[in-house]
Amino acid sequence: MAQAGVLPEEFNLKKQLDAAHVAYADLTDPGDRKAAMAKIADLEMRYNMARDARRAFLR
C-alpha cells in the first residue's frame, strides 16, 4: 500500500479524530457539544475497528 501511495484507513480516521477533539474544546453550547461528542465517539469506534482489523491482517 505504501508503494502505491495509499495510507491505511486508520491514519485518516486518526486525523479526523484529532480535529474533532480540537473543535470540541472550542464549543460552549451544550447541544453542539453533545453532537460533537457523538461524532468523536463514532470516529473512535471506527478508528479502533480499523486499527484492530489491520493488526489482525498483519499477524
Protein backbone atom coordinates (compact mmCIF):
# COMPACT_ATOMS: atom_id res chain seq x y z
CA MET A 1 0.00 0.00 0.00
CA ALA A 2 2.80 2.40 0.84
CA GLN A 3 4.37 1.93 -2.57
CA ALA A 4 1.06 2.83 -4.18
CA GLY A 5 0.80 5.97 -2.07
CA VAL A 6 -2.21 4.73 -0.12
CA LEU A 7 -2.45 5.10 3.65
CA PRO A 8 -4.41 2.73 5.88
CA GLU A 9 -7.89 4.00 6.73
CA GLU A 10 -6.97 4.32 10.39
CA PHE A 11 -4.50 7.12 9.61
CA ASN A 12 -7.22 9.25 8.04
CA LEU A 13 -9.61 8.45 10.89
CA LYS A 14 -6.96 9.45 13.45
CA LYS A 15 -6.54 12.84 11.75
CA GLN A 16 -10.32 13.35 11.78
CA LEU A 17 -10.48 12.31 15.43
CA ASP A 18 -7.75 14.75 16.42
CA ALA A 19 -9.52 17.56 14.57
CA ALA A 20 -12.83 16.67 16.25
CA HIS A 21 -11.19 16.87 19.68
CA VAL A 22 -9.78 20.31 18.90
CA ALA A 23 -13.16 21.52 17.63
CA TYR A 24 -14.91 20.12 20.72
CA ALA A 25 -12.68 22.15 23.03
CA ASP A 26 -13.90 25.40 21.45
CA LEU A 27 -17.63 24.67 21.78
CA THR A 28 -19.73 26.21 24.53
CA ASP A 29 -23.33 25.38 23.53
CA PRO A 30 -24.49 22.15 25.24
CA GLY A 31 -26.31 20.97 22.11
CA ASP A 32 -23.26 21.50 19.93
CA ARG A 33 -21.03 19.78 22.48
CA LYS A 34 -23.36 16.77 22.58
CA ALA A 35 -23.33 16.48 18.78
CA ALA A 36 -19.54 16.85 18.69
CA MET A 37 -19.15 14.17 21.36
CA ALA A 38 -21.34 11.80 19.32
CA LYS A 39 -19.08 12.44 16.32
CA ILE A 40 -15.99 11.77 18.44
CA ALA A 41 -17.48 8.51 19.74
CA ASP A 42 -18.25 7.38 16.19
CA LEU A 43 -14.77 8.25 14.97
CA GLU A 44 -13.16 6.48 17.93
CA MET A 45 -15.18 3.34 17.25
CA ARG A 46 -14.31 3.38 13.54
CA TYR A 47 -10.63 4.09 14.31
CA ASN A 48 -10.40 1.19 16.77
CA MET A 49 -12.11 -1.17 14.34
CA ALA A 50 -9.75 -0.20 11.50
CA ARG A 51 -6.69 -0.50 13.74
CA ASP A 52 -7.75 -3.92 15.04
CA ALA A 53 -8.52 -5.15 11.52
CA ARG A 54 -5.10 -4.09 10.26
CA ARG A 55 -3.35 -5.70 13.22
CA ALA A 56 -5.26 -8.95 12.67
CA PHE A 57 -4.39 -8.87 8.98
CA LEU A 58 -0.67 -8.42 9.68
CA ARG A 59 -0.46 -11.37 12.09
